Amino acid sequence: MYSKEVENSDLKKARQSLIEELEAINWYETRIEDAKDPALKKILEHNRDEEKEHVAMLMEWLRKSDKEQNKKFKEHD
């Protein structure tokens, strides 16, 4: 079992990674909007969707690892 210090450190890493993945999705969206070449647009869309998968993986980990966060998913307004 993790100590609280290590647990909090891992939660911080996961949250920061989640932020970065969401930013990457936005960057890809901008590039997709600006892309003229259909082949490039398809590649960028694929890359964006991989970032979305990373978001899902991190959210799943956070729900399992942060009981309070998981509770908020179930009880939010």
PDB file of N, CA and C in Angstrom:
ATOM      1  N   MET A   1       0.841  -1.188   0.000  1.00  0.00           N
ATOM      2  CA  MET A   1       0.000   0.000   0.000  1.00  0.00           C
ATOM      3  C   MET A   1       0.877   1.240   0.000  1.00  0.00           C
ATOM      4  N   TYR A   2       0.473   2.235  -0.768  1.00  0.00           N
ATOM      5  CA  TYR A   2       1.207   3.490  -0.837  1.00  0.00           C
ATOM      6  C   TYR A   2       1.109   4.259   0.467  1.00  0.00           C
ATOM      7  N   SER A   3       2.168   4.977   0.790  1.00  0.00           N
ATOM      8  CA  SER A   3       2.065   5.950   1.872  1.00  0.00           C
ATOM      9  C   SER A   3       1.258   7.135   1.336  1.00  0.00           C
ATOM     10  N   LYS A   4       0.734   7.958   2.220  1.00  0.00           N
ATOM     11  CA  LYS A   4      -0.042   9.136   1.792  1.00  0.00           C
ATOM     12  C   LYS A   4       0.795  10.047   0.900  1.00  0.00           C
ATOM     13  N   GLU A   5       2.082  10.224   1.240  1.00  0.00           N
ATOM     14  CA  GLU A   5       2.946  11.105   0.460  1.00  0.00           C
ATOM     15  C   GLU A   5       3.106  10.596  -0.972  1.00  0.00           C
ATOM     16  N   VAL A   6       3.367   9.315  -1.111  1.00  0.00           N
ATOM     17  CA  VAL A   6       3.523   8.727  -2.441  1.00  0.00           C
ATOM     18  C   VAL A   6       2.187   8.747  -3.168  1.00  0.00           C
ATOM     19  N   GLU A   7       1.113   8.428  -2.462  1.00  0.00           N
ATOM     20  CA  GLU A   7      -0.216   8.439  -3.063  1.00  0.00           C
ATOM     21  C   GLU A   7      -0.548   9.823  -3.604  1.00  0.00           C
ATOM     22  N   ASN A   8      -0.316  10.861  -2.807  1.00  0.00           N
ATOM     23  CA  ASN A   8      -0.597  12.228  -3.250  1.00  0.00           C
ATOM     24  C   ASN A   8       0.277  12.609  -4.436  1.00  0.00           C
ATOM     25  N   SER A   9       1.525  12.186  -4.427  1.00  0.00           N
ATOM     26  CA  SER A   9       2.424  12.469  -5.531  1.00  0.00           C
ATOM     27  C   SER A   9       1.910  11.825  -6.814  1.00  0.00           C
ATOM     28  N   ASP A  10       1.454  10.589  -6.735  1.00  0.00           N
ATOM     29  CA  ASP A  10       0.908   9.906  -7.910  1.00  0.00           C
ATOM     30  C   ASP A  10      -0.371  10.586  -8.389  1.00  0.00           C
ATOM     31  N   LEU A  11      -1.218  11.019  -7.476  1.00  0.00           N
ATOM     32  CA  LEU A  11      -2.436  11.725  -7.867  1.00  0.00           C
ATOM     33  C   LEU A  11      -2.087  13.020  -8.593  1.00  0.00           C
ATOM     34  N   LYS A  12      -1.106  13.744  -8.087  1.00  0.00           N
ATOM     35  CA  LYS A  12      -0.689  14.984  -8.738  1.00  0.00           C
ATOM     36  C   LYS A  12      -0.155  14.707 -10.141  1.00  0.00           C
ATOM     37  N   LYS A  13       0.621  13.653 -10.282  1.00  0.00           N
ATOM     38  CA  LYS A  13       1.159  13.290 -11.601  1.00  0.00           C
ATOM     39  C   LYS A  13       0.029  12.945 -12.565  1.00  0.00           C
ATOM     40  N   ALA A  14      -0.932  12.204 -12.095  1.00  0.00           N
ATOM     41  CA  ALA A  14      -2.055  11.811 -12.946  1.00  0.00           C
ATOM     42  C   ALA A  14      -2.875  13.032 -13.352  1.00  0.00           C
ATOM     43  N   ARG A  15      -3.136  13.924 -12.403  1.00  0.00           N
ATOM     44  CA  ARG A  15      -3.914  15.126 -12.718  1.00  0.00           C
ATOM     45  C   ARG A  15      -3.178  16.013 -13.718  1.00  0.00           C
ATOM     46  N   GLN A  16      -1.880  16.196 -13.532  1.00  0.00           N
ATOM     47  CA  GLN A  16      -1.111  17.010 -14.462  1.00  0.00           C
ATOM     48  C   GLN A  16      -1.090  16.360 -15.843  1.00  0.00           C
ATOM     49  N   SER A  17      -0.954  15.067 -15.883  1.00  0.00           N
ATOM     50  CA  SER A  17      -0.990  14.361 -17.162  1.00  0.00           C
ATOM     51  C   SER A  17      -2.341  14.533 -17.840  1.00  0.00           C
ATOM     52  N   LEU A  18      -3.416  14.502 -17.059  1.00  0.00           N
ATOM     53  CA  LEU A  18      -4.759  14.703 -17.599  1.00  0.00           C
ATOM     54  C   LEU A  18      -4.872  16.099 -18.221  1.00  0.00           C
ATOM     55  N   ILE A  19      -4.375  17.102 -17.523  1.00  0.00           N
ATOM     56  CA  ILE A  19      -4.365  18.465 -18.056  1.00  0.00           C
ATOM     57  C   ILE A  19      -3.639  18.506 -19.397  1.00  0.00           C
ATOM     58  N   GLU A  20      -2.480  17.889 -19.446  1.00  0.00           N
ATOM     59  CA  GLU A  20      -1.663  17.913 -20.663  1.00  0.00           C
ATOM     60  C   GLU A  20      -2.331  17.165 -21.814  1.00  0.00           C
ATOM     61  N   GLU A  21      -3.007  16.069 -21.514  1.00  0.00           N
ATOM     62  CA  GLU A  21      -3.710  15.325 -22.557  1.00  0.00           C
ATOM     63  C   GLU A  21      -4.866  16.153 -23.113  1.00  0.00           C
ATOM     64  N   LEU A  22      -5.603  16.840 -22.238  1.00  0.00           N
ATOM     65  CA  LEU A  22      -6.706  17.685 -22.697  1.00  0.00           C
ATOM     66  C   LEU A  22      -6.189  18.857 -23.534  1.00  0.00           C
ATOM     67  N   GLU A  23      -5.070  19.424 -23.134  1.00  0.00           N
ATOM     68  CA  GLU A  23      -4.463  20.486 -23.937  1.00  0.00           C
ATOM     69  C   GLU A  23      -4.066  19.956 -25.311  1.00  0.00           C
ATOM     70  N   ALA A  24      -3.508  18.756 -25.343  1.00  0.00           N
ATOM     71  CA  ALA A  24      -3.101  18.159 -26.619  1.00  0.00           C
ATOM     72  C   ALA A  24      -4.303  17.959 -27.541  1.00  0.00           C
ATOM     73  N   ILE A  25      -5.426  17.558 -26.981  1.00  0.00           N
ATOM     74  CA  ILE A  25      -6.644  17.406 -27.787  1.00  0.00           C
ATOM     75  C   ILE A  25      -6.997  18.743 -28.433  1.00  0.00           C
ATOM     76  N   ASN A  26      -6.947  19.809 -27.651  1.00  0.00           N
ATOM     77  CA  ASN A  26      -7.252  21.133 -28.197  1.00  0.00           C
ATOM     78  C   ASN A  26      -6.255  21.550 -29.271  1.00  0.00           C
ATOM     79  N   TRP A  27      -4.975  21.258 -29.059  1.00  0.00           N
ATOM     80  CA  TRP A  27      -3.972  21.586 -30.073  1.00  0.00           C
ATOM     81  C   TRP A  27      -4.257  20.836 -31.372  1.00  0.00           C
ATOM     82  N   TYR A  28      -4.573  19.548 -31.252  1.00  0.00           N
ATOM     83  CA  TYR A  28      -4.896  18.774 -32.455  1.00  0.00           C
ATOM     84  C   TYR A  28      -6.142  19.312 -33.136  1.00  0.00           C
ATOM     85  N   GLU A  29      -7.152  19.714 -32.372  1.00  0.00           N
ATOM     86  CA  GLU A  29      -8.372  20.270 -32.971  1.00  0.00           C
ATOM     87  C   GLU A  29      -8.037  21.510 -33.809  1.00  0.00           C
ATOM     88  N   THR A  30      -7.194  22.375 -33.278  1.00  0.00           N
ATOM     89  CA  THR A  30      -6.795  23.573 -34.018  1.00  0.00           C
ATOM     90  C   THR A  30      -6.063  23.199 -35.296  1.00  0.00           C
ATOM     91  N   ARG A  31      -5.160  22.250 -35.197  1.00  0.00           N
ATOM     92  CA  ARG A  31      -4.403  21.823 -36.383  1.00  0.00           C
ATOM     93  C   ARG A  31      -5.322  21.178 -37.413  1.00  0.00           C
ATOM     94  N   ILE A  32      -6.285  20.392 -36.944  1.00  0.00           N
ATOM     95  CA  ILE A  32      -7.246  19.753 -37.852  1.00  0.00           C
ATOM     96  C   ILE A  32      -8.051  20.819 -38.586  1.00  0.00           C
ATOM     97  N   GLU A  33      -8.503  21.826 -37.866  1.00  0.00           N
ATOM     98  CA  GLU A  33      -9.272  22.913 -38.486  1.00  0.00           C
ATOM     99  C   GLU A  33      -8.456  23.649 -39.542  1.00  0.00           C
ATOM    100  N   ASP A  34      -7.160  23.790 -39.308  1.00  0.00           N
ATOM    101  CA  ASP A  34      -6.296  24.541 -40.217  1.00  0.00           C
ATOM    102  C   ASP A  34      -5.723  23.707 -41.357  1.00  0.00           C
ATOM    103  N   ALA A  35      -5.744  22.388 -41.219  1.00  0.00           N
ATOM    104  CA  ALA A  35      -5.112  21.521 -42.219  1.00  0.00           C
ATOM    105  C   ALA A  35      -5.866  21.576 -43.542  1.00  0.00           C
ATOM    106  N   LYS A  36      -5.129  21.702 -44.617  1.00  0.00           N
ATOM    107  CA  LYS A  36      -5.710  21.716 -45.960  1.00  0.00           C
ATOM    108  C   LYS A  36      -5.682  20.323 -46.594  1.00  0.00           C
ATOM    109  N   ASP A  37      -4.643  19.579 -46.303  1.00  0.00           N
ATOM    110  CA  ASP A  37      -4.457  18.256 -46.909  1.00  0.00           C
ATOM    111  C   ASP A  37      -5.316  17.218 -46.183  1.00  0.00           C
ATOM    112  N   PRO A  38      -6.204  16.526 -46.898  1.00  0.00           N
ATOM    113  CA  PRO A  38      -7.074  15.530 -46.262  1.00  0.00           C
ATOM    114  C   PRO A  38      -6.305  14.384 -45.581  1.00  0.00           C
ATOM    115  N   ALA A  39      -5.178  13.984 -46.159  1.00  0.00           N
ATOM    116  CA  ALA A  39      -4.392  12.904 -45.558  1.00  0.00           C
ATOM    117  C   ALA A  39      -3.800  13.354 -44.224  1.00  0.00           C
ATOM    118  N   LEU A  40      -3.301  14.577 -44.193  1.00  0.00           N
ATOM    119  CA  LEU A  40      -2.768  15.117 -42.937  1.00  0.00           C
ATOM    120  C   LEU A  40      -3.879  15.251 -41.912  1.00  0.00           C
ATOM    121  N   LYS A  41      -5.030  15.737 -42.342  1.00  0.00           N
ATOM    122  CA  LYS A  41      -6.167  15.899 -41.444  1.00  0.00           C
ATOM    123  C   LYS A  41      -6.529  14.554 -40.804  1.00  0.00           C
ATOM    124  N   LYS A  42      -6.501  13.494 -41.592  1.00  0.00           N
ATOM    125  CA  LYS A  42      -6.825  12.152 -41.078  1.00  0.00           C
ATOM    126  C   LYS A  42      -5.807  11.709 -40.026  1.00  0.00           C
ATOM    127  N   ILE A  43      -4.542  11.965 -40.262  1.00  0.00           N
ATOM    128  CA  ILE A  43      -3.485  11.615 -39.301  1.00  0.00           C
ATOM    129  C   ILE A  43      -3.689  12.395 -38.002  1.00  0.00           C
ATOM    130  N   LEU A  44      -3.957  13.679 -38.124  1.00  0.00           N
ATOM    131  CA  LEU A  44      -4.153  14.510 -36.938  1.00  0.00           C
ATOM    132  C   LEU A  44      -5.387  14.072 -36.154  1.00  0.00           C
ATOM    133  N   GLU A  45      -6.440  13.688 -36.852  1.00  0.00           N
ATOM    134  CA  GLU A  45      -7.638  13.185 -36.173  1.00  0.00           C
ATOM    135  C   GLU A  45      -7.336  11.898 -35.415  1.00  0.00           C
ATOM    136  N   HIS A  46      -6.532  11.028 -36.030  1.00  0.00           N
ATOM    137  CA  HIS A  46      -6.110   9.794 -35.360  1.00  0.00           C
ATOM    138  C   HIS A  46      -5.317  10.121 -34.090  1.00  0.00           C
ATOM    139  N   ASN A  47      -4.384  11.054 -34.211  1.00  0.00           N
ATOM    140  CA  ASN A  47      -3.569  11.440 -33.051  1.00  0.00           C
ATOM    141  C   ASN A  47      -4.433  12.040 -31.951  1.00  0.00           C
ATOM    142  N   ARG A  48      -5.394  12.896 -32.327  1.00  0.00           N
ATOM    143  CA  ARG A  48      -6.322  13.483 -31.352  1.00  0.00           C
ATOM    144  C   ARG A  48      -7.094  12.396 -30.620  1.00  0.00           C
ATOM    145  N   ASP A  49      -7.553  11.408 -31.365  1.00  0.00           N
ATOM    146  CA  ASP A  49      -8.334  10.335 -30.750  1.00  0.00           C
ATOM    147  C   ASP A  49      -7.497   9.484 -29.805  1.00  0.00           C
ATOM    148  N   GLU A  50      -6.212   9.344 -30.089  1.00  0.00           N
ATOM    149  CA  GLU A  50      -5.329   8.645 -29.145  1.00  0.00           C
ATOM    150  C   GLU A  50      -5.209   9.429 -27.846  1.00  0.00           C
ATOM    151  N   GLU A  51      -5.154  10.753 -27.946  1.00  0.00           N
ATOM    152  CA  GLU A  51      -5.114  11.583 -26.738  1.00  0.00           C
ATOM    153  C   GLU A  51      -6.390  11.397 -25.930  1.00  0.00           C
ATOM    154  N   LYS A  52      -7.521  11.274 -26.606  1.00  0.00           N
ATOM    155  CA  LYS A  52      -8.789  11.035 -25.910  1.00  0.00           C
ATOM    156  C   LYS A  52      -8.761   9.702 -25.169  1.00  0.00           C
ATOM    157  N   GLU A  53      -8.122   8.703 -25.774  1.00  0.00           N
ATOM    158  CA  GLU A  53      -7.970   7.419 -25.088  1.00  0.00           C
ATOM    159  C   GLU A  53      -7.129   7.592 -23.823  1.00  0.00           C
ATOM    160  N   HIS A  54      -6.087   8.394 -23.911  1.00  0.00           N
ATOM    161  CA  HIS A  54      -5.234   8.641 -22.742  1.00  0.00           C
ATOM    162  C   HIS A  54      -6.032   9.327 -21.634  1.00  0.00           C
ATOM    163  N   VAL A  55      -6.902  10.270 -22.018  1.00  0.00           N
ATOM    164  CA  VAL A  55      -7.764  10.932 -21.033  1.00  0.00           C
ATOM    165  C   VAL A  55      -8.635   9.897 -20.330  1.00  0.00           C
ATOM    166  N   ALA A  56      -9.229   9.014 -21.104  1.00  0.00           N
ATOM    167  CA  ALA A  56     -10.097   7.987 -20.519  1.00  0.00           C
ATOM    168  C   ALA A  56      -9.324   7.087 -19.559  1.00  0.00           C
ATOM    169  N   MET A  57      -8.114   6.720 -19.933  1.00  0.00           N
ATOM    170  CA  MET A  57      -7.295   5.863 -19.072  1.00  0.00           C
ATOM    171  C   MET A  57      -6.959   6.570 -17.766  1.00  0.00           C
ATOM    172  N   LEU A  58      -6.588   7.849 -17.859  1.00  0.00           N
ATOM    173  CA  LEU A  58      -6.262   8.605 -16.655  1.00  0.00           C
ATOM    174  C   LEU A  58      -7.481   8.807 -15.771  1.00  0.00           C
ATOM    175  N   MET A  59      -8.619   9.115 -16.377  1.00  0.00           N
ATOM    176  CA  MET A  59      -9.842   9.296 -15.588  1.00  0.00           C
ATOM    177  C   MET A  59     -10.208   8.001 -14.865  1.00  0.00           C
ATOM    178  N   GLU A  60     -10.072   6.906 -15.536  1.00  0.00           N
ATOM    179  CA  GLU A  60     -10.364   5.617 -14.898  1.00  0.00           C
ATOM    180  C   GLU A  60      -9.427   5.386 -13.724  1.00  0.00           C
ATOM    181  N   TRP A  61      -8.150   5.677 -13.899  1.00  0.00           N
ATOM    182  CA  TRP A  61      -7.180   5.499 -12.815  1.00  0.00           C
ATOM    183  C   TRP A  61      -7.511   6.419 -11.655  1.00  0.00           C
ATOM    184  N   LEU A  62      -7.849   7.685 -11.962  1.00  0.00           N
ATOM    185  CA  LEU A  62      -8.184   8.638 -10.904  1.00  0.00           C
ATOM    186  C   LEU A  62      -9.425   8.197 -10.131  1.00  0.00           C
ATOM    187  N   ARG A  63     -10.409   7.676 -10.824  1.00  0.00           N
ATOM    188  CA  ARG A  63     -11.617   7.217 -10.134  1.00  0.00           C
ATOM    189  C   ARG A  63     -11.300   6.073  -9.182  1.00  0.00           C
ATOM    190  N   LYS A  64     -10.401   5.209  -9.588  1.00  0.00           N
ATOM    191  CA  LYS A  64     -10.022   4.075  -8.729  1.00  0.00           C
ATOM    192  C   LYS A  64      -9.113   4.512  -7.577  1.00  0.00           C
ATOM    193  N   SER A  65      -8.339   5.565  -7.802  1.00  0.00           N
ATOM    194  CA  SER A  65      -7.298   5.942  -6.853  1.00  0.00           C
ATOM    195  C   SER A  65      -7.682   7.090  -5.923  1.00  0.00           C
ATOM    196  N   ASP A  66      -8.696   7.853  -6.284  1.00  0.00           N
ATOM    197  CA  ASP A  66      -9.109   9.000  -5.481  1.00  0.00           C
ATOM    198  C   ASP A  66     -10.590   8.823  -5.147  1.00  0.00           C
ATOM    199  N   LYS A  67     -10.851   8.299  -3.956  1.00  0.00           N
ATOM    200  CA  LYS A  67     -12.223   7.981  -3.554  1.00  0.00           C
ATOM    201  C   LYS A  67     -13.124   9.211  -3.563  1.00  0.00           C
ATOM    202  N   GLU A  68     -12.590  10.355  -3.142  1.00  0.00           N
ATOM    203  CA  GLU A  68     -13.396  11.581  -3.127  1.00  0.00           C
ATOM    204  C   GLU A  68     -13.750  12.015  -4.548  1.00  0.00           C
ATOM    205  N   GLN A  69     -12.809  11.922  -5.453  1.00  0.00           N
ATOM    206  CA  GLN A  69     -13.085  12.277  -6.851  1.00  0.00           C
ATOM    207  C   GLN A  69     -14.140  11.342  -7.443  1.00  0.00           C
ATOM    208  N   ASN A  70     -13.999  10.072  -7.176  1.00  0.00           N
ATOM    209  CA  ASN A  70     -14.973   9.099  -7.673  1.00  0.00           C
ATOM    210  C   ASN A  70     -16.372   9.411  -7.133  1.00  0.00           C
ATOM    211  N   LYS A  71     -16.426   9.783  -5.866  1.00  0.00           N
ATOM    212  CA  LYS A  71     -17.701  10.137  -5.244  1.00  0.00           C
ATOM    213  C   LYS A  71     -18.347  11.324  -5.977  1.00  0.00           C
ATOM    214  N   LYS A  72     -17.532  12.296  -6.387  1.00  0.00           N
ATOM    215  CA  LYS A  72     -18.046  13.471  -7.088  1.00  0.00           C
ATOM    216  C   LYS A  72     -18.624  13.108  -8.454  1.00  0.00           C
ATOM    217  N   PHE A  73     -18.071  12.108  -9.098  1.00  0.00           N
ATOM    218  CA  PHE A  73     -18.630  11.664 -10.375  1.00  0.00           C
ATOM    219  C   PHE A  73     -20.045  11.134 -10.184  1.00  0.00           C
ATOM    220  N   LYS A  74     -20.286  10.542  -9.056  1.00  0.00           N
ATOM    221  CA  LYS A  74     -21.587   9.933  -8.777  1.00  0.00           C
ATOM    222  C   LYS A  74     -22.587  10.926  -8.211  1.00  0.00           C
ATOM    223  N   GLU A  75     -22.105  11.976  -7.521  1.00  0.00           N
ATOM    224  CA  GLU A  75     -22.994  12.842  -6.746  1.00  0.00           C
ATOM    225  C   GLU A  75     -23.068  14.279  -7.230  1.00  0.00           C
ATOM    226  N   HIS A  76     -22.421  14.638  -8.330  1.00  0.00           N
ATOM    227  CA  HIS A  76     -22.406  16.043  -8.728  1.00  0.00           C
ATOM    228  C   HIS A  76     -23.794  16.528  -9.114  1.00  0.00           C
ATOM    229  N   ASP A  77     -23.946  17.853  -9.083  1.00  0.00           N
ATOM    230  CA  ASP A  77     -25.246  18.475  -9.420  1.00  0.00           C
ATOM    231  C   ASP A  77     -25.506  18.416 -10.901  1.00  0.00           C
TER     232      ASP A  77
END
